[in-house]
């Protein structure tokens, strides 16, 4: 996937991932820290992710 698509990916999945992590941590600040860490990790690997494979790794 191209880095130009990353912002769209972020917008599409950020709230869903935050809610998931909020449920796990029970703490808004911890959840936001984890969301940030998740998206940094994804950004670093974004170009190597094949288009259409994101749903295969559990971001639904």
N, C-alpha and C. Protein backbone atom coordinates (compact mmCIF):
# COMPACT_ATOMS: atom_id res chain seq x y z
N UNK A 1 0.85 -1.17 0.00
CA UNK A 1 0.00 0.00 0.00
C UNK A 1 0.89 1.24 0.00
N UNK A 2 0.41 2.27 -0.55
CA UNK A 2 1.20 3.49 -0.63
C UNK A 2 0.95 4.37 0.59
N UNK A 3 1.98 5.11 0.98
CA UNK A 3 1.86 5.97 2.16
C UNK A 3 0.77 7.02 1.99
N UNK A 4 0.43 7.38 0.75
CA UNK A 4 -0.64 8.35 0.52
C UNK A 4 -1.98 7.83 1.05
N UNK A 5 -2.13 6.53 1.13
CA UNK A 5 -3.36 5.92 1.62
C UNK A 5 -3.40 5.82 3.15
N UNK A 6 -2.29 6.08 3.79
CA UNK A 6 -2.21 5.89 5.24
C UNK A 6 -3.20 6.76 5.99
N UNK A 7 -3.34 8.02 5.60
CA UNK A 7 -4.26 8.91 6.29
C UNK A 7 -5.70 8.40 6.20
N UNK A 8 -6.07 7.89 5.03
CA UNK A 8 -7.41 7.31 4.88
C UNK A 8 -7.56 6.08 5.78
N UNK A 9 -6.54 5.25 5.83
CA UNK A 9 -6.55 4.07 6.68
C UNK A 9 -6.72 4.48 8.15
N UNK A 10 -5.95 5.47 8.56
CA UNK A 10 -6.01 5.97 9.94
C UNK A 10 -7.41 6.46 10.27
N UNK A 11 -7.97 7.29 9.40
CA UNK A 11 -9.30 7.84 9.63
C UNK A 11 -10.35 6.74 9.72
N UNK A 12 -10.21 5.74 8.90
CA UNK A 12 -11.19 4.66 8.86
C UNK A 12 -11.15 3.78 10.10
N UNK A 13 -9.97 3.55 10.66
CA UNK A 13 -9.82 2.55 11.72
C UNK A 13 -9.51 3.09 13.11
N UNK A 14 -9.17 4.35 13.22
CA UNK A 14 -8.69 4.89 14.49
C UNK A 14 -9.71 4.73 15.62
N UNK A 15 -10.96 5.12 15.39
CA UNK A 15 -11.97 5.04 16.46
C UNK A 15 -12.24 3.61 16.88
N UNK A 16 -12.28 2.71 15.92
CA UNK A 16 -12.55 1.30 16.21
C UNK A 16 -11.42 0.70 17.04
N UNK A 17 -10.18 1.01 16.69
CA UNK A 17 -9.04 0.49 17.44
C UNK A 17 -9.00 1.11 18.83
N UNK A 18 -9.32 2.41 18.92
CA UNK A 18 -9.36 3.07 20.23
C UNK A 18 -10.39 2.39 21.13
N UNK A 19 -11.60 2.14 20.62
CA UNK A 19 -12.64 1.50 21.44
C UNK A 19 -12.18 0.12 21.91
N UNK A 20 -11.55 -0.62 21.03
CA UNK A 20 -11.04 -1.95 21.38
C UNK A 20 -10.01 -1.84 22.51
N UNK A 21 -9.05 -0.94 22.34
CA UNK A 21 -8.00 -0.80 23.34
C UNK A 21 -8.53 -0.18 24.63
N UNK A 22 -9.52 0.67 24.54
CA UNK A 22 -10.15 1.24 25.73
C UNK A 22 -10.82 0.12 26.54
N UNK A 23 -11.43 -0.83 25.84
CA UNK A 23 -12.04 -1.97 26.51
C UNK A 23 -11.02 -2.83 27.22
N UNK A 24 -9.86 -2.95 26.64
CA UNK A 24 -8.80 -3.77 27.24
C UNK A 24 -8.16 -3.04 28.43
N UNK A 25 -7.83 -1.76 28.24
CA UNK A 25 -7.08 -1.03 29.27
C UNK A 25 -7.98 -0.41 30.33
N UNK A 26 -9.19 0.00 29.94
CA UNK A 26 -10.07 0.70 30.86
C UNK A 26 -9.59 2.10 31.19
N UNK A 27 -8.62 2.59 30.43
CA UNK A 27 -8.03 3.89 30.71
C UNK A 27 -7.83 4.64 29.39
N UNK A 28 -8.43 5.82 29.29
CA UNK A 28 -8.38 6.59 28.04
C UNK A 28 -6.95 6.93 27.62
N UNK A 29 -6.14 7.36 28.56
CA UNK A 29 -4.76 7.76 28.22
C UNK A 29 -3.93 6.57 27.77
N UNK A 30 -4.07 5.44 28.44
CA UNK A 30 -3.34 4.24 28.03
C UNK A 30 -3.80 3.78 26.64
N UNK A 31 -5.11 3.84 26.41
CA UNK A 31 -5.65 3.44 25.12
C UNK A 31 -5.11 4.33 24.01
N UNK A 32 -5.07 5.64 24.24
CA UNK A 32 -4.54 6.57 23.23
C UNK A 32 -3.05 6.32 22.98
N UNK A 33 -2.30 6.04 24.03
CA UNK A 33 -0.88 5.72 23.86
C UNK A 33 -0.72 4.47 22.99
N UNK A 34 -1.54 3.48 23.24
CA UNK A 34 -1.47 2.24 22.46
C UNK A 34 -1.91 2.45 21.02
N UNK A 35 -2.94 3.27 20.81
CA UNK A 35 -3.38 3.58 19.44
C UNK A 35 -2.22 4.22 18.69
N UNK A 36 -1.56 5.15 19.33
CA UNK A 36 -0.42 5.82 18.71
C UNK A 36 0.68 4.81 18.37
N UNK A 37 0.98 3.93 19.29
CA UNK A 37 2.02 2.91 19.05
C UNK A 37 1.63 1.99 17.90
N UNK A 38 0.35 1.60 17.86
CA UNK A 38 -0.14 0.73 16.79
C UNK A 38 0.03 1.40 15.43
N UNK A 39 -0.40 2.66 15.34
CA UNK A 39 -0.33 3.34 14.05
C UNK A 39 1.11 3.68 13.65
N UNK A 40 1.99 3.90 14.59
CA UNK A 40 3.41 4.10 14.26
C UNK A 40 3.97 2.81 13.66
N UNK A 41 3.64 1.68 14.29
CA UNK A 41 4.12 0.39 13.79
C UNK A 41 3.56 0.11 12.40
N UNK A 42 2.28 0.39 12.20
CA UNK A 42 1.67 0.17 10.88
C UNK A 42 2.30 1.10 9.86
N UNK A 43 2.50 2.36 10.22
CA UNK A 43 3.10 3.33 9.29
C UNK A 43 4.47 2.86 8.81
N UNK A 44 5.25 2.35 9.73
CA UNK A 44 6.59 1.88 9.38
C UNK A 44 6.56 0.72 8.41
N UNK A 45 5.50 -0.07 8.43
CA UNK A 45 5.38 -1.24 7.55
C UNK A 45 4.40 -1.02 6.41
N UNK A 46 3.82 0.16 6.33
CA UNK A 46 2.68 0.39 5.44
C UNK A 46 2.96 0.06 3.99
N UNK A 47 4.11 0.43 3.46
CA UNK A 47 4.38 0.17 2.05
C UNK A 47 4.52 -1.31 1.74
N UNK A 48 4.87 -2.11 2.74
CA UNK A 48 5.04 -3.54 2.50
C UNK A 48 3.74 -4.33 2.67
N UNK A 49 2.70 -3.68 3.18
CA UNK A 49 1.41 -4.36 3.34
C UNK A 49 0.72 -4.40 1.99
N UNK A 50 0.32 -5.59 1.58
CA UNK A 50 -0.36 -5.73 0.30
C UNK A 50 -1.76 -5.17 0.39
N UNK A 51 -2.17 -4.46 -0.64
CA UNK A 51 -3.50 -3.89 -0.67
C UNK A 51 -4.54 -5.00 -0.52
N UNK A 52 -5.51 -4.76 0.34
CA UNK A 52 -6.55 -5.74 0.60
C UNK A 52 -6.23 -6.72 1.70
N UNK A 53 -4.99 -6.72 2.20
CA UNK A 53 -4.61 -7.68 3.22
C UNK A 53 -4.87 -7.17 4.63
N UNK A 54 -5.22 -5.91 4.79
CA UNK A 54 -5.43 -5.34 6.12
C UNK A 54 -6.52 -6.09 6.85
N UNK A 55 -7.60 -6.42 6.20
CA UNK A 55 -8.69 -7.13 6.87
C UNK A 55 -8.25 -8.52 7.31
N UNK A 56 -7.24 -9.07 6.66
CA UNK A 56 -6.74 -10.39 7.02
C UNK A 56 -5.97 -10.38 8.32
N UNK A 57 -5.49 -9.20 8.75
CA UNK A 57 -4.72 -9.13 9.98
C UNK A 57 -5.57 -8.66 11.14
N UNK A 58 -6.87 -8.58 10.96
CA UNK A 58 -7.77 -8.34 12.07
C UNK A 58 -8.27 -6.92 12.26
N UNK A 59 -8.05 -6.05 11.29
CA UNK A 59 -8.61 -4.71 11.37
C UNK A 59 -9.88 -4.71 10.56
N UNK A 60 -10.99 -4.90 11.26
CA UNK A 60 -12.28 -5.01 10.56
C UNK A 60 -13.24 -3.98 11.10
